[in-house]
PDB file of N, CA and C in Angstrom:
ATOM      1  N   MET A   1     111.069  94.052 161.230  1.00  0.00           N
ATOM      2  CA  MET A   1     111.813  95.279 160.447  1.00  0.00           C
ATOM      3  C   MET A   1     113.210  95.434 160.575  1.00  0.00           C
ATOM      4  N   SER A   2     114.105  95.432 159.888  1.00  0.00           N
ATOM      5  CA  SER A   2     115.421  95.583 160.110  1.00  0.00           C
ATOM      6  C   SER A   2     115.856  96.980 160.319  1.00  0.00           C
ATOM      7  N   ASP A   3     116.996  97.171 160.993  1.00  0.00           N
ATOM      8  CA  ASP A   3     117.393  98.584 161.279  1.00  0.00           C
ATOM      9  C   ASP A   3     117.687  99.429 160.266  1.00  0.00           C
ATOM     10  N   SER A   4     118.100  98.733 159.136  1.00  0.00           N
ATOM     11  CA  SER A   4     118.073  99.518 157.926  1.00  0.00           C
ATOM     12  C   SER A   4     116.787 100.020 157.197  1.00  0.00           C
ATOM     13  N   GLU A   5     115.765  99.219 157.450  1.00  0.00           N
ATOM     14  CA  GLU A   5     114.459  99.445 157.051  1.00  0.00           C
ATOM     15  C   GLU A   5     114.027 100.546 157.889  1.00  0.00           C
ATOM     16  N   THR A   6     114.313 100.370 159.079  1.00  0.00           N
ATOM     17  CA  THR A   6     113.812 101.496 160.044  1.00  0.00           C
ATOM     18  C   THR A   6     114.543 103.036 159.652  1.00  0.00           C
ATOM     19  N   ALA A   7     115.812 102.859 159.635  1.00  0.00           N
ATOM     20  CA  ALA A   7     116.658 103.983 159.156  1.00  0.00           C
ATOM     21  C   ALA A   7     116.259 104.667 158.015  1.00  0.00           C
ATOM     22  N   GLY A   8     115.726 103.855 157.175  1.00  0.00           N
ATOM     23  CA  GLY A   8     115.057 104.423 155.768  1.00  0.00           C
ATOM     24  C   GLY A   8     114.167 105.163 155.790  1.00  0.00           C
ATOM     25  N   ARG A   9     112.999 104.404 156.730  1.00  0.00           N
ATOM     26  CA  ARG A   9     111.570 104.825 156.971  1.00  0.00           C
ATOM     27  C   ARG A   9     111.843 106.328 157.839  1.00  0.00           C
ATOM     28  N   LEU A  10     112.803 106.237 158.535  1.00  0.00           N
ATOM     29  CA  LEU A  10     113.190 107.557 159.430  1.00  0.00           C
ATOM     30  C   LEU A  10     113.581 108.720 158.454  1.00  0.00           C
ATOM     31  N   GLY A  11     114.525 108.463 157.545  1.00  0.00           N
ATOM     32  CA  GLY A  11     114.945 109.209 156.626  1.00  0.00           C
ATOM     33  C   GLY A  11     113.901 110.034 155.818  1.00  0.00           C
ATOM     34  N   ARG A  12     113.232 109.046 155.397  1.00  0.00           N
ATOM     35  CA  ARG A  12     111.966 109.550 154.318  1.00  0.00           C
ATOM     36  C   ARG A  12     111.017 110.386 155.087  1.00  0.00           C
ATOM     37  N   ALA A  13     110.751 110.151 156.411  1.00  0.00           N
ATOM     38  CA  ALA A  13     110.011 110.915 157.181  1.00  0.00           C
ATOM     39  C   ALA A  13     110.401 112.251 157.640  1.00  0.00           C
ATOM     40  N   LEU A  14     111.725 112.159 157.909  1.00  0.00           N
ATOM     41  CA  LEU A  14     112.381 113.749 157.987  1.00  0.00           C
ATOM     42  C   LEU A  14     112.567 114.556 156.906  1.00  0.00           C
ATOM     43  N   HIS A  15     112.647 113.959 155.797  1.00  0.00           N
ATOM     44  CA  HIS A  15     112.399 114.367 154.203  1.00  0.00           C
ATOM     45  C   HIS A  15     111.186 115.090 154.088  1.00  0.00           C
ATOM     46  N   ARG A  16     110.084 114.371 154.705  1.00  0.00           N
ATOM     47  CA  ARG A  16     108.627 114.758 154.460  1.00  0.00           C
ATOM     48  C   ARG A  16     108.546 116.126 155.238  1.00  0.00           C
ATOM     49  N   LEU A  17     108.981 115.796 156.660  1.00  0.00           N
ATOM     50  CA  LEU A  17     108.514 116.802 157.819  1.00  0.00           C
ATOM     51  C   LEU A  17     109.507 118.148 157.133  1.00  0.00           C
ATOM     52  N   ASP A  18     110.727 117.818 156.635  1.00  0.00           N
ATOM     53  CA  ASP A  18     111.552 119.158 155.909  1.00  0.00           C
ATOM     54  C   ASP A  18     110.585 119.781 154.974  1.00  0.00           C
ATOM     55  N   LYS A  19     109.890 119.335 154.096  1.00  0.00           N
ATOM     56  CA  LYS A  19     109.230 119.673 153.002  1.00  0.00           C
ATOM     57  C   LYS A  19     107.760 120.394 153.692  1.00  0.00           C
ATOM     58  N   ALA A  20     107.132 119.687 154.718  1.00  0.00           N
ATOM     59  CA  ALA A  20     106.261 120.403 155.436  1.00  0.00           C
ATOM     60  C   ALA A  20     106.740 121.827 155.976  1.00  0.00           C
ATOM     61  N   VAL A  21     107.723 121.840 156.485  1.00  0.00           N
ATOM     62  CA  VAL A  21     108.301 122.818 157.467  1.00  0.00           C
ATOM     63  C   VAL A  21     108.625 123.917 156.117  1.00  0.00           C
ATOM     64  N   GLU A  22     109.026 123.530 154.976  1.00  0.00           N
ATOM     65  CA  GLU A  22     109.120 124.553 153.787  1.00  0.00           C
ATOM     66  C   GLU A  22     107.930 124.938 153.406  1.00  0.00           C
ATOM     67  N   ARG A  23     106.808 124.364 153.216  1.00  0.00           N
ATOM     68  CA  ARG A  23     105.720 124.849 152.959  1.00  0.00           C
ATOM     69  C   ARG A  23     104.910 125.662 153.924  1.00  0.00           C
ATOM     70  N   LEU A  24     105.243 125.267 154.981  1.00  0.00           N
ATOM     71  CA  LEU A  24     104.826 126.283 156.244  1.00  0.00           C
ATOM     72  C   LEU A  24     105.649 127.883 156.060  1.00  0.00           C
ATOM     73  N   GLU A  25     106.598 127.686 155.945  1.00  0.00           N
ATOM     74  CA  GLU A  25     107.658 129.074 155.650  1.00  0.00           C
ATOM     75  C   GLU A  25     106.988 129.686 154.370  1.00  0.00           C
ATOM     76  N   ARG A  26     106.820 128.955 153.139  1.00  0.00           N
ATOM     77  CA  ARG A  26     106.143 129.834 152.118  1.00  0.00           C
ATOM     78  C   ARG A  26     105.151 130.297 151.982  1.00  0.00           C
ATOM     79  N   ALA A  27     104.232 129.565 152.914  1.00  0.00           N
ATOM     80  CA  ALA A  27     103.038 129.987 153.363  1.00  0.00           C
ATOM     81  C   ALA A  27     102.883 131.347 154.284  1.00  0.00           C
ATOM     82  N   LEU A  28     103.828 131.230 155.119  1.00  0.00           N
ATOM     83  CA  LEU A  28     103.620 132.504 155.963  1.00  0.00           C
ATOM     84  C   LEU A  28     104.444 133.647 155.476  1.00  0.00           C
ATOM     85  N   THR A  29     105.346 133.469 154.355  1.00  0.00           N
ATOM     86  CA  THR A  29     105.817 134.653 153.534  1.00  0.00           C
ATOM     87  C   THR A  29     104.516 135.039 152.577  1.00  0.00           C
ATOM     88  N   ALA A  30     103.870 134.263 152.084  1.00  0.00           N
ATOM     89  CA  ALA A  30     102.984 134.713 150.835  1.00  0.00           C
ATOM     90  C   ALA A  30     101.716 135.045 152.024  1.00  0.00           C
ATOM     91  N   GLN A  31     101.587 134.836 153.211  1.00  0.00           N
ATOM     92  CA  GLN A  31     100.167 135.190 153.814  1.00  0.00           C
ATOM     93  C   GLN A  31      99.723 136.397 153.668  1.00  0.00           C
ATOM     94  N   ASN A  32      98.324 136.683 153.023  1.00  0.00           N
ATOM     95  CA  ASN A  32      98.072 137.924 152.984  1.00  0.00           C
ATOM     96  C   ASN A  32      96.923 138.296 153.957  1.00  0.00           C
ATOM     97  N   GLY A  33      96.717 137.407 154.748  1.00  0.00           N
ATOM     98  CA  GLY A  33      95.761 137.532 156.074  1.00  0.00           C
ATOM     99  C   GLY A  33      94.442 136.974 155.896  1.00  0.00           C
ATOM    100  N   ASN A  34      93.900 136.777 154.527  1.00  0.00           N
ATOM    101  CA  ASN A  34      92.765 136.172 154.493  1.00  0.00           C
ATOM    102  C   ASN A  34      92.307 134.782 155.016  1.00  0.00           C
ATOM    103  N   GLY A  35      91.008 134.440 155.239  1.00  0.00           N
ATOM    104  CA  GLY A  35      90.851 133.218 155.929  1.00  0.00           C
ATOM    105  C   GLY A  35      91.296 131.805 155.192  1.00  0.00           C
ATOM    106  N   ALA A  36      91.258 131.686 154.004  1.00  0.00           N
ATOM    107  CA  ALA A  36      91.841 130.868 153.107  1.00  0.00           C
ATOM    108  C   ALA A  36      93.462 130.360 153.463  1.00  0.00           C
ATOM    109  N   ASP A  37      94.139 131.268 153.592  1.00  0.00           N
ATOM    110  CA  ASP A  37      95.307 131.113 153.695  1.00  0.00           C
ATOM    111  C   ASP A  37      95.600 130.703 155.314  1.00  0.00           C
ATOM    112  N   ILE A  38      95.042 131.243 156.223  1.00  0.00           N
ATOM    113  CA  ILE A  38      94.999 130.853 157.484  1.00  0.00           C
ATOM    114  C   ILE A  38      94.515 129.358 157.623  1.00  0.00           C
ATOM    115  N   GLY A  39      93.379 129.086 157.055  1.00  0.00           N
ATOM    116  CA  GLY A  39      93.017 127.539 157.008  1.00  0.00           C
ATOM    117  C   GLY A  39      94.055 126.600 156.244  1.00  0.00           C
ATOM    118  N   ARG A  40      94.885 127.135 155.461  1.00  0.00           N
ATOM    119  CA  ARG A  40      95.894 126.309 154.908  1.00  0.00           C
ATOM    120  C   ARG A  40      96.908 126.228 155.829  1.00  0.00           C
ATOM    121  N   LEU A  41      97.367 127.349 156.406  1.00  0.00           N
ATOM    122  CA  LEU A  41      98.314 127.214 157.359  1.00  0.00           C
ATOM    123  C   LEU A  41      98.038 126.186 158.695  1.00  0.00           C
ATOM    124  N   GLU A  42      97.056 126.296 159.070  1.00  0.00           N
ATOM    125  CA  GLU A  42      96.286 125.505 160.137  1.00  0.00           C
ATOM    126  C   GLU A  42      96.500 123.997 159.801  1.00  0.00           C
ATOM    127  N   ALA A  43      95.953 123.754 158.441  1.00  0.00           N
ATOM    128  CA  ALA A  43      96.044 122.410 157.924  1.00  0.00           C
ATOM    129  C   ALA A  43      97.310 121.599 157.721  1.00  0.00           C
ATOM    130  N   ALA A  44      98.427 122.692 157.223  1.00  0.00           N
ATOM    131  CA  ALA A  44      99.928 122.365 157.291  1.00  0.00           C
ATOM    132  C   ALA A  44     100.576 122.231 158.515  1.00  0.00           C
ATOM    133  N   LEU A  45     100.223 123.010 159.520  1.00  0.00           N
ATOM    134  CA  LEU A  45     100.897 122.814 161.071  1.00  0.00           C
ATOM    135  C   LEU A  45     100.169 121.537 161.559  1.00  0.00           C
ATOM    136  N   LYS A  46      99.040 121.122 161.307  1.00  0.00           N
ATOM    137  CA  LYS A  46      98.306 119.819 161.648  1.00  0.00           C
ATOM    138  C   LYS A  46      99.039 118.854 161.071  1.00  0.00           C
ATOM    139  N   ALA A  47      99.483 119.065 159.842  1.00  0.00           N
ATOM    140  CA  ALA A  47     100.115 117.822 159.005  1.00  0.00           C
ATOM    141  C   ALA A  47     101.351 117.536 159.616  1.00  0.00           C
ATOM    142  N   ALA A  48     102.169 118.829 159.794  1.00  0.00           N
ATOM    143  CA  ALA A  48     103.676 118.725 160.357  1.00  0.00           C
ATOM    144  C   ALA A  48     103.627 118.234 162.101  1.00  0.00           C
ATOM    145  N   GLU A  49     102.784 118.509 162.651  1.00  0.00           N
ATOM    146  CA  GLU A  49     102.681 117.753 164.207  1.00  0.00           C
ATOM    147  C   GLU A  49     102.405 116.599 163.847  1.00  0.00           C
ATOM    148  N   ALA A  50     101.408 116.130 162.968  1.00  0.00           N
ATOM    149  CA  ALA A  50     101.292 114.525 162.894  1.00  0.00           C
ATOM    150  C   ALA A  50     102.687 113.921 162.480  1.00  0.00           C
ATOM    151  N   GLU A  51     103.109 114.516 161.413  1.00  0.00           N
ATOM    152  CA  GLU A  51     104.706 113.712 160.860  1.00  0.00           C
ATOM    153  C   GLU A  51     105.673 113.877 162.187  1.00  0.00           C
ATOM    154  N   GLN A  52     105.522 114.888 163.059  1.00  0.00           N
ATOM    155  CA  GLN A  52     106.530 114.992 164.339  1.00  0.00           C
ATOM    156  C   GLN A  52     106.334 113.735 165.179  1.00  0.00           C
ATOM    157  N   VAL A  53     104.805 113.296 165.257  1.00  0.00           N
ATOM    158  CA  VAL A  53     104.424 112.457 166.309  1.00  0.00           C
ATOM    159  C   VAL A  53     104.707 111.154 165.612  1.00  0.00           C
ATOM    160  N   ALA A  54     104.871 110.952 164.490  1.00  0.00           N
ATOM    161  CA  ALA A  54     105.112 109.544 163.788  1.00  0.00           C
ATOM    162  C   ALA A  54     106.627 109.714 163.786  1.00  0.00           C
ATOM    163  N   LEU A  55     107.587 110.460 163.533  1.00  0.00           N
ATOM    164  CA  LEU A  55     108.936 110.401 163.650  1.00  0.00           C
ATOM    165  C   LEU A  55     109.223 110.171 165.230  1.00  0.00           C
ATOM    166  N   ALA A  56     108.603 110.822 165.968  1.00  0.00           N
ATOM    167  CA  ALA A  56     109.070 110.307 167.460  1.00  0.00           C
ATOM    168  C   ALA A  56     108.620 108.989 167.723  1.00  0.00           C
ATOM    169  N   ASP A  57     107.547 108.215 167.201  1.00  0.00           N
ATOM    170  CA  ASP A  57     107.172 106.765 167.463  1.00  0.00           C
ATOM    171  C   ASP A  57     108.210 105.833 166.919  1.00  0.00           C
ATOM    172  N   ALA A  58     108.827 106.233 165.403  1.00  0.00           N
ATOM    173  CA  ALA A  58     109.703 105.968 164.763  1.00  0.00           C
ATOM    174  C   ALA A  58     111.004 105.517 165.579  1.00  0.00           C
ATOM    175  N   ASN A  59     111.341 106.771 166.287  1.00  0.00           N
ATOM    176  CA  ASN A  59     112.643 107.000 166.787  1.00  0.00           C
ATOM    177  C   ASN A  59     112.688 106.282 168.042  1.00  0.00           C
ATOM    178  N   ARG A  60     111.478 106.324 168.784  1.00  0.00           N
ATOM    179  CA  ARG A  60     111.463 105.243 169.947  1.00  0.00           C
ATOM    180  C   ARG A  60     111.767 104.051 169.621  1.00  0.00           C
ATOM    181  N   MET A  61     110.928 103.468 168.484  1.00  0.00           N
ATOM    182  CA  MET A  61     110.919 102.097 168.165  1.00  0.00           C
ATOM    183  C   MET A  61     112.237 101.801 167.761  1.00  0.00           C
ATOM    184  N   ALA A  62     113.209 102.356 167.322  1.00  0.00           N
ATOM    185  CA  ALA A  62     114.426 102.289 166.527  1.00  0.00           C
ATOM    186  C   ALA A  62     115.489 102.249 167.767  1.00  0.00           C
ATOM    187  N   ALA A  63     115.182 103.052 168.715  1.00  0.00           N
ATOM    188  CA  ALA A  63     115.845 103.145 170.107  1.00  0.00           C
ATOM    189  C   ALA A  63     115.816 101.899 170.779  1.00  0.00           C
ATOM    190  N   GLU A  64     114.432 101.287 170.586  1.00  0.00           N
ATOM    191  CA  GLU A  64     114.331 100.106 171.624  1.00  0.00           C
ATOM    192  C   GLU A  64     114.798  98.942 170.855  1.00  0.00           C
ATOM    193  N   ARG A  65     114.728  99.076 169.634  1.00  0.00           N
ATOM    194  CA  ARG A  65     115.283  97.590 168.597  1.00  0.00           C
ATOM    195  C   ARG A  65     116.716  97.706 168.755  1.00  0.00           C
ATOM    196  N   LEU A  66     117.616  98.890 168.865  1.00  0.00           N
ATOM    197  CA  LEU A  66     118.907  98.838 168.885  1.00  0.00           C
ATOM    198  C   LEU A  66     119.281  98.615 170.545  1.00  0.00           C
ATOM    199  N   GLU A  67     118.623  99.113 171.499  1.00  0.00           N
ATOM    200  CA  GLU A  67     118.719  98.501 172.800  1.00  0.00           C
ATOM    201  C   GLU A  67     118.783  97.366 172.801  1.00  0.00           C
ATOM    202  N   GLN A  68     117.868  96.366 172.407  1.00  0.00           N
ATOM    203  CA  GLN A  68     117.615  94.910 172.466  1.00  0.00           C
ATOM    204  C   GLN A  68     118.662  94.209 171.735  1.00  0.00           C
ATOM    205  N   THR A  69     119.169  94.688 170.657  1.00  0.00           N
ATOM    206  CA  THR A  69     120.354  94.250 169.704  1.00  0.00           C
ATOM    207  C   THR A  69     121.537  94.220 170.652  1.00  0.00           C
ATOM    208  N   ILE A  70     122.025  95.427 171.114  1.00  0.00           N
ATOM    209  CA  ILE A  70     122.794  95.532 172.231  1.00  0.00           C
ATOM    210  C   ILE A  70     122.955  94.812 173.365  1.00  0.00           C
ATOM    211  N   GLY A  71     121.764  94.476 173.978  1.00  0.00           N
ATOM    212  CA  GLY A  71     121.787  93.501 174.968  1.00  0.00           C
ATOM    213  C   GLY A  71     122.290  92.110 174.544  1.00  0.00           C
ATOM    214  N   ARG A  72     121.724  91.741 173.474  1.00  0.00           N
ATOM    215  CA  ARG A  72     121.967  90.519 172.868  1.00  0.00           C
ATOM    216  C   ARG A  72     123.453  90.250 172.580  1.00  0.00           C
ATOM    217  N   LEU A  73     124.162  91.508 171.982  1.00  0.00           N
ATOM    218  CA  LEU A  73     125.377  91.307 171.844  1.00  0.00           C
ATOM    219  C   LEU A  73     126.376  91.116 173.028  1.00  0.00           C
ATOM    220  N   ARG A  74     125.736  91.945 174.073  1.00  0.00           N
ATOM    221  CA  ARG A  74     126.663  91.954 175.495  1.00  0.00           C
ATOM    222  C   ARG A  74     126.409  90.426 176.031  1.00  0.00           C
ATOM    223  N   GLY A  75     125.148  89.913 175.753  1.00  0.00           N
ATOM    224  CA  GLY A  75     125.315  88.400 176.198  1.00  0.00           C
ATOM    225  C   GLY A  75     125.802  87.322 175.749  1.00  0.00           C
ATOM    226  N   LEU A  76     126.131  87.768 174.181  1.00  0.00           N
ATOM    227  CA  LEU A  76     126.868  86.636 173.513  1.00  0.00           C
ATOM    228  C   LEU A  76     128.427  87.050 173.868  1.00  0.00           C
ATOM    229  N   LEU A  77     128.701  88.160 174.095  1.00  0.00           N
ATOM    230  CA  LEU A  77     130.087  88.368 174.355  1.00  0.00           C
ATOM    231  C   LEU A  77     130.642  87.961 175.891  1.00  0.00           C
ATOM    232  N   ALA A  78     129.419  88.033 176.740  1.00  0.00           N
ATOM    233  CA  ALA A  78     129.879  87.508 178.165  1.00  0.00           C
ATOM    234  C   ALA A  78     129.952  86.074 178.377  1.00  0.00           C
ATOM    235  N   SER A  79     129.362  85.487 177.252  1.00  0.00           N
ATOM    236  CA  SER A  79     129.235  83.689 177.362  1.00  0.00           C
ATOM    237  C   SER A  79     130.672  83.177 176.705  1.00  0.00           C
TER     238      SER A  79
END
């Protein structure tokens, strides 16, 4: 996977996370205290947490690839 593909995936994931947070905020504003609303909030929170984990993994992978690329470039420049 190229760096641009990783950046694109990361951008899309960030957009989905923003949308999930917006849904949570709307749900909190509209919450009237019934069990169904709380269940939806819990589900939205779990989805946002899962998205955050995916973003952290994507970020870690992108950082590792970038570090490898920098190492290769340094090796080329040193020779």
